[in-house]
N, C-alpha and C. Protein backbone atom coordinates (compact mmCIF):
# COMPACT_ATOMS: atom_id res chain seq x y z
N UNK A 1 0.84 -1.18 0.00
CA UNK A 1 0.00 0.00 0.00
C UNK A 1 0.88 1.24 0.00
N UNK A 2 0.46 2.24 -0.75
CA UNK A 2 1.14 3.54 -0.74
C UNK A 2 0.24 4.56 -0.08
N UNK A 3 0.84 5.40 0.70
CA UNK A 3 0.13 6.42 1.43
C UNK A 3 0.57 7.78 0.91
N UNK A 4 -0.37 8.67 0.72
CA UNK A 4 -0.03 10.00 0.25
C UNK A 4 -0.55 11.03 1.23
N UNK A 5 0.29 12.01 1.54
CA UNK A 5 -0.10 13.12 2.41
C UNK A 5 -0.24 14.38 1.56
N UNK A 6 -1.09 15.26 2.02
CA UNK A 6 -1.26 16.53 1.32
C UNK A 6 -1.66 17.59 2.33
N UNK A 7 -1.59 18.84 1.89
CA UNK A 7 -2.08 19.94 2.71
C UNK A 7 -1.02 20.79 3.35
N UNK A 8 0.25 20.48 3.16
CA UNK A 8 1.29 21.31 3.73
C UNK A 8 1.30 22.69 3.10
N UNK A 9 1.98 23.63 3.76
CA UNK A 9 2.06 24.97 3.21
C UNK A 9 2.64 25.95 4.19
N UNK A 10 2.47 27.22 3.86
CA UNK A 10 3.00 28.30 4.69
C UNK A 10 1.86 29.20 5.14
N UNK A 11 1.83 29.50 6.42
CA UNK A 11 0.81 30.40 6.96
C UNK A 11 1.46 31.30 8.00
N UNK A 12 0.75 32.34 8.36
CA UNK A 12 1.20 33.19 9.45
C UNK A 12 0.71 32.62 10.77
N UNK A 13 1.38 33.02 11.83
CA UNK A 13 0.98 32.57 13.16
C UNK A 13 -0.50 32.89 13.40
N UNK A 14 -1.19 31.92 14.00
CA UNK A 14 -2.61 32.08 14.22
C UNK A 14 -3.46 31.50 13.12
N UNK A 15 -2.83 31.16 12.02
CA UNK A 15 -3.55 30.61 10.89
C UNK A 15 -3.83 29.13 11.03
N UNK A 16 -4.37 28.55 9.96
CA UNK A 16 -4.79 27.15 9.98
C UNK A 16 -4.30 26.42 8.73
N UNK A 17 -4.08 25.14 8.90
CA UNK A 17 -3.78 24.25 7.79
C UNK A 17 -4.50 22.93 8.05
N UNK A 18 -4.84 22.24 6.98
CA UNK A 18 -5.44 20.92 7.11
C UNK A 18 -4.60 19.93 6.34
N UNK A 19 -4.12 18.92 7.03
CA UNK A 19 -3.35 17.86 6.40
C UNK A 19 -4.26 16.68 6.13
N UNK A 20 -3.96 15.94 5.07
CA UNK A 20 -4.75 14.77 4.72
C UNK A 20 -3.83 13.58 4.50
N UNK A 21 -4.33 12.41 4.83
CA UNK A 21 -3.56 11.16 4.74
C UNK A 21 -4.49 10.12 4.14
N UNK A 22 -4.10 9.54 2.99
CA UNK A 22 -4.99 8.61 2.31
C UNK A 22 -4.18 7.58 1.53
N UNK A 23 -4.75 6.41 1.30
CA UNK A 23 -4.07 5.41 0.47
C UNK A 23 -4.20 5.77 -1.01
N UNK A 24 -3.26 5.31 -1.79
CA UNK A 24 -3.33 5.47 -3.24
C UNK A 24 -4.15 4.32 -3.80
N UNK A 25 -5.12 4.63 -4.62
CA UNK A 25 -5.94 3.59 -5.22
C UNK A 25 -7.09 3.18 -4.33
N UNK A 26 -7.78 2.12 -4.73
CA UNK A 26 -9.00 1.71 -4.03
C UNK A 26 -8.91 0.31 -3.41
N UNK A 27 -7.72 -0.25 -3.34
CA UNK A 27 -7.57 -1.60 -2.80
C UNK A 27 -7.54 -1.64 -1.27
N UNK A 28 -7.38 -0.48 -0.64
CA UNK A 28 -7.25 -0.42 0.81
C UNK A 28 -8.14 0.68 1.38
N UNK A 29 -8.63 0.43 2.57
CA UNK A 29 -9.38 1.42 3.33
C UNK A 29 -8.53 1.82 4.52
N UNK A 30 -8.38 3.12 4.73
CA UNK A 30 -7.56 3.55 5.86
C UNK A 30 -8.35 3.32 7.15
N UNK A 31 -7.71 2.69 8.11
CA UNK A 31 -8.39 2.30 9.34
C UNK A 31 -7.98 3.17 10.53
N UNK A 32 -6.70 3.47 10.60
CA UNK A 32 -6.17 4.24 11.73
C UNK A 32 -4.93 4.98 11.26
N UNK A 33 -4.54 6.00 12.00
CA UNK A 33 -3.33 6.73 11.62
C UNK A 33 -2.82 7.55 12.79
N UNK A 34 -1.53 7.81 12.74
CA UNK A 34 -0.89 8.75 13.66
C UNK A 34 -0.12 9.76 12.83
N UNK A 35 -0.14 10.98 13.29
CA UNK A 35 0.68 12.02 12.69
C UNK A 35 1.86 12.28 13.61
N UNK A 36 3.05 12.35 13.02
CA UNK A 36 4.28 12.63 13.74
C UNK A 36 4.89 13.90 13.15
N UNK A 37 5.76 14.51 13.94
CA UNK A 37 6.47 15.66 13.41
C UNK A 37 7.97 15.42 13.50
N UNK A 38 8.66 15.90 12.48
CA UNK A 38 10.11 15.82 12.46
C UNK A 38 10.63 17.26 12.43
N UNK A 39 11.44 17.59 13.38
CA UNK A 39 12.02 18.92 13.44
C UNK A 39 13.35 18.94 12.71
N UNK A 40 13.95 20.09 12.62
CA UNK A 40 15.17 20.25 11.84
C UNK A 40 16.28 19.34 12.33
N UNK A 41 16.26 18.99 13.61
CA UNK A 41 17.32 18.15 14.16
C UNK A 41 17.30 16.74 13.60
N UNK A 42 16.17 16.32 13.01
CA UNK A 42 16.16 15.05 12.32
C UNK A 42 15.38 13.94 12.98
N UNK A 43 15.21 13.98 14.29
CA UNK A 43 14.52 12.88 14.95
C UNK A 43 13.02 13.12 14.99
N UNK A 44 12.25 12.05 14.81
CA UNK A 44 10.81 12.16 15.02
C UNK A 44 10.56 12.53 16.47
N UNK A 45 9.61 13.42 16.70
CA UNK A 45 9.40 13.93 18.05
C UNK A 45 8.14 13.36 18.69
N UNK A 46 7.61 12.30 18.17
CA UNK A 46 6.47 11.70 18.82
C UNK A 46 5.17 12.05 18.16
N UNK A 47 4.13 11.49 18.74
CA UNK A 47 2.81 11.61 18.14
C UNK A 47 2.27 13.02 18.30
N UNK A 48 1.84 13.58 17.20
CA UNK A 48 1.13 14.85 17.24
C UNK A 48 -0.34 14.57 17.51
N UNK A 49 -0.88 13.58 16.79
CA UNK A 49 -2.27 13.19 16.98
C UNK A 49 -2.45 11.80 16.40
N UNK A 50 -3.35 11.03 16.97
CA UNK A 50 -3.60 9.69 16.48
C UNK A 50 -5.06 9.32 16.61
N UNK A 51 -5.53 8.47 15.71
CA UNK A 51 -6.90 7.96 15.76
C UNK A 51 -6.87 6.48 15.46
N UNK A 52 -7.57 5.69 16.27
CA UNK A 52 -7.57 4.25 16.10
C UNK A 52 -8.72 3.81 15.19
N UNK A 53 -8.77 2.50 14.90
CA UNK A 53 -9.82 1.99 14.02
C UNK A 53 -11.20 2.16 14.64
N UNK A 54 -11.24 2.22 15.99
CA UNK A 54 -12.54 2.42 16.66
C UNK A 54 -12.68 3.84 17.18
N UNK A 55 -11.98 4.77 16.53
CA UNK A 55 -12.15 6.21 16.73
C UNK A 55 -11.67 6.72 18.08
N UNK A 56 -10.78 6.00 18.73
CA UNK A 56 -10.15 6.57 19.93
C UNK A 56 -9.09 7.56 19.47
N UNK A 57 -9.05 8.72 20.12
CA UNK A 57 -8.19 9.81 19.69
C UNK A 57 -7.25 10.22 20.81
N UNK A 58 -6.06 10.59 20.45
CA UNK A 58 -5.12 11.15 21.42
C UNK A 58 -4.32 12.26 20.74
N UNK A 59 -3.85 13.19 21.56
CA UNK A 59 -3.07 14.32 21.08
C UNK A 59 -1.82 14.50 21.90
N UNK A 60 -0.79 15.04 21.26
CA UNK A 60 0.38 15.45 22.00
C UNK A 60 0.05 16.67 22.83
N UNK A 61 0.75 16.84 23.96
CA UNK A 61 0.43 17.92 24.87
C UNK A 61 0.51 19.29 24.21
N UNK A 62 1.45 19.47 23.31
CA UNK A 62 1.66 20.80 22.74
C UNK A 62 0.59 21.22 21.74
N UNK A 63 -0.26 20.26 21.32
CA UNK A 63 -1.26 20.61 20.31
C UNK A 63 -2.69 20.48 20.82
N UNK A 64 -2.86 20.03 22.05
CA UNK A 64 -4.21 19.86 22.59
C UNK A 64 -4.96 21.19 22.56
N UNK A 65 -6.19 21.13 22.08
CA UNK A 65 -7.01 22.33 22.00
C UNK A 65 -6.80 23.11 20.71
N UNK A 66 -5.77 22.75 19.95
CA UNK A 66 -5.50 23.48 18.69
C UNK A 66 -5.63 22.59 17.47
N UNK A 67 -5.28 21.31 17.61
CA UNK A 67 -5.33 20.38 16.49
C UNK A 67 -6.50 19.42 16.68
N UNK A 68 -7.03 18.95 15.55
CA UNK A 68 -8.14 18.00 15.60
C UNK A 68 -7.95 16.96 14.51
N UNK A 69 -7.98 15.68 14.91
CA UNK A 69 -7.84 14.60 13.93
C UNK A 69 -9.20 13.96 13.71
N UNK A 70 -9.47 13.58 12.47
CA UNK A 70 -10.76 12.97 12.15
C UNK A 70 -10.60 12.03 10.97
N UNK A 71 -11.56 11.11 10.87
CA UNK A 71 -11.55 10.15 9.77
C UNK A 71 -12.82 10.32 8.96
N UNK A 72 -12.67 10.45 7.66
CA UNK A 72 -13.81 10.55 6.75
C UNK A 72 -13.85 9.27 5.93
N UNK A 73 -14.76 8.37 6.30
CA UNK A 73 -14.83 7.07 5.61
C UNK A 73 -15.24 7.23 4.15
N UNK A 74 -16.09 8.18 3.85
CA UNK A 74 -16.54 8.37 2.48
C UNK A 74 -15.38 8.80 1.57
N UNK A 75 -14.46 9.59 2.13
CA UNK A 75 -13.30 10.03 1.37
C UNK A 75 -12.09 9.13 1.57
N UNK A 76 -12.25 8.13 2.47
CA UNK A 76 -11.15 7.20 2.74
C UNK A 76 -9.89 7.97 3.12
N UNK A 77 -10.06 8.93 3.99
CA UNK A 77 -8.98 9.86 4.33
C UNK A 77 -9.03 10.19 5.82
N UNK A 78 -7.87 10.38 6.40
CA UNK A 78 -7.76 10.90 7.76
C UNK A 78 -7.19 12.30 7.68
N UNK A 79 -7.85 13.23 8.37
CA UNK A 79 -7.48 14.63 8.32
C UNK A 79 -6.88 15.07 9.65
N UNK A 80 -5.97 16.03 9.56
CA UNK A 80 -5.46 16.70 10.75
C UNK A 80 -5.71 18.20 10.56
N UNK A 81 -6.68 18.72 11.28
CA UNK A 81 -6.98 20.15 11.24
C UNK A 81 -6.10 20.85 12.27
N UNK A 82 -5.31 21.80 11.80
CA UNK A 82 -4.37 22.50 12.67
C UNK A 82 -4.76 23.97 12.73
N UNK A 83 -5.22 24.40 13.87
CA UNK A 83 -5.63 25.79 14.09
C UNK A 83 -4.69 26.48 15.07
N UNK A 84 -4.79 27.79 15.10
CA UNK A 84 -3.98 28.59 16.03
C UNK A 84 -2.51 28.20 15.93
N UNK A 85 -2.03 28.10 14.72
CA UNK A 85 -0.66 27.64 14.50
C UNK A 85 0.36 28.61 15.04
N UNK A 86 1.45 28.05 15.54
CA UNK A 86 2.55 28.82 16.12
C UNK A 86 3.81 28.55 15.31
N UNK A 87 4.76 29.47 15.34
CA UNK A 87 6.02 29.22 14.62
C UNK A 87 6.69 27.91 15.02
N UNK A 88 6.55 27.53 16.28
CA UNK A 88 7.17 26.27 16.71
C UNK A 88 6.48 25.03 16.16
N UNK A 89 5.34 25.20 15.48
CA UNK A 89 4.69 24.08 14.80
C UNK A 89 5.32 23.82 13.44
N UNK A 90 6.24 24.68 13.03
CA UNK A 90 6.88 24.52 11.72
C UNK A 90 7.75 23.29 11.70
N UNK A 91 7.49 22.38 10.80
CA UNK A 91 8.31 21.18 10.64
C UNK A 91 7.72 20.34 9.52
N UNK A 92 8.29 19.18 9.32
CA UNK A 92 7.73 18.20 8.39
C UNK A 92 6.85 17.25 9.20
N UNK A 93 5.64 17.05 8.74
CA UNK A 93 4.69 16.15 9.39
C UNK A 93 4.58 14.86 8.57
N UNK A 94 4.56 13.74 9.28
CA UNK A 94 4.48 12.43 8.65
C UNK A 94 3.25 11.70 9.16
N UNK A 95 2.59 11.00 8.23
CA UNK A 95 1.46 10.16 8.60
C UNK A 95 1.89 8.70 8.54
N UNK A 96 1.54 7.96 9.57
CA UNK A 96 1.72 6.51 9.58
C UNK A 96 0.34 5.90 9.67
N UNK A 97 -0.08 5.22 8.62
CA UNK A 97 -1.43 4.70 8.56
C UNK A 97 -1.49 3.19 8.61
N UNK A 98 -2.63 2.70 9.11
CA UNK A 98 -2.95 1.27 9.09
C UNK A 98 -4.12 1.09 8.13
N UNK A 99 -4.06 0.06 7.30
CA UNK A 99 -5.03 -0.10 6.23
C UNK A 99 -5.69 -1.46 6.24
N UNK A 100 -6.96 -1.50 5.90
CA UNK A 100 -7.71 -2.74 5.76
C UNK A 100 -7.83 -3.07 4.27
N UNK A 101 -7.30 -4.22 3.86
CA UNK A 101 -7.43 -4.58 2.45
C UNK A 101 -8.88 -4.87 2.09
N UNK A 102 -9.35 -4.35 1.00
CA UNK A 102 -10.73 -4.57 0.56
C UNK A 102 -10.97 -6.06 0.28
N UNK A 103 -9.95 -6.74 -0.18
CA UNK A 103 -10.07 -8.15 -0.53
C UNK A 103 -9.74 -9.09 0.62
N UNK A 104 -9.48 -8.54 1.82
CA UNK A 104 -9.15 -9.35 2.99
C UNK A 104 -7.66 -9.58 3.13
N UNK A 105 -7.29 -10.21 4.22
CA UNK A 105 -5.89 -10.48 4.47
C UNK A 105 -5.31 -9.58 5.54
N UNK A 106 -4.01 -9.59 5.64
CA UNK A 106 -3.34 -8.81 6.68
C UNK A 106 -3.51 -7.31 6.44
N UNK A 107 -3.49 -6.56 7.56
CA UNK A 107 -3.64 -5.12 7.47
C UNK A 107 -2.25 -4.49 7.49
N UNK A 108 -1.81 -3.94 6.39
CA UNK A 108 -0.48 -3.35 6.36
C UNK A 108 -0.46 -1.94 6.95
N UNK A 109 0.74 -1.49 7.26
CA UNK A 109 0.94 -0.09 7.64
C UNK A 109 1.90 0.55 6.65
N UNK A 110 1.88 1.85 6.59
CA UNK A 110 2.75 2.57 5.66
C UNK A 110 2.99 3.98 6.15
N UNK A 111 4.12 4.53 5.77
CA UNK A 111 4.48 5.92 6.06
C UNK A 111 4.31 6.75 4.80
N UNK A 112 3.89 8.00 5.00
CA UNK A 112 3.87 8.93 3.89
C UNK A 112 5.22 9.59 3.70
N UNK A 113 5.30 10.42 2.68
CA UNK A 113 6.57 11.05 2.32
C UNK A 113 6.85 12.30 3.15
N UNK A 114 5.85 12.76 3.88
CA UNK A 114 6.02 13.95 4.71
C UNK A 114 5.56 15.21 4.00
N UNK A 115 5.00 16.12 4.77
CA UNK A 115 4.59 17.42 4.24
C UNK A 115 5.17 18.51 5.12
N UNK A 116 5.66 19.55 4.48
CA UNK A 116 6.30 20.66 5.19
C UNK A 116 5.27 21.73 5.53
N UNK A 117 5.22 22.08 6.80
CA UNK A 117 4.42 23.21 7.24
C UNK A 117 5.35 24.28 7.80
N UNK A 118 5.12 25.50 7.38
CA UNK A 118 5.92 26.62 7.85
C UNK A 118 5.00 27.70 8.40
N UNK A 119 5.21 28.05 9.65
CA UNK A 119 4.40 29.08 10.30
C UNK A 119 5.30 30.27 10.60
N UNK A 120 4.99 31.39 10.03
CA UNK A 120 5.80 32.59 10.23
C UNK A 120 5.21 33.45 11.33
N UNK A 121 6.09 34.13 12.03
CA UNK A 121 5.62 34.98 13.14
C UNK A 121 5.25 36.37 12.66
């Protein structure tokens, strides 16, 4: 399975961006996902937000109250709505998704290529 992320960009502080995470093609349904952030230093810094197959949600402390993760089954996509953005939110965001094969079998996971978000002060 291939996963594609979209929605990165540049905004001013206080602005909003929406990231999307979806499988390529129609052979898989996205079941769960976590968004991670990578800062300039190179290491992944942990979960920004995550949603399970049964819609349990968790957020990193630094984004609680500002970010919202959701799953749209009709669009086969998981979204990360980012509001009240701060310059320190600037980084590359990665989606790690779990997928249910339409034809059955094991549920694979995959990483996206990352999307760059830049928040200017």
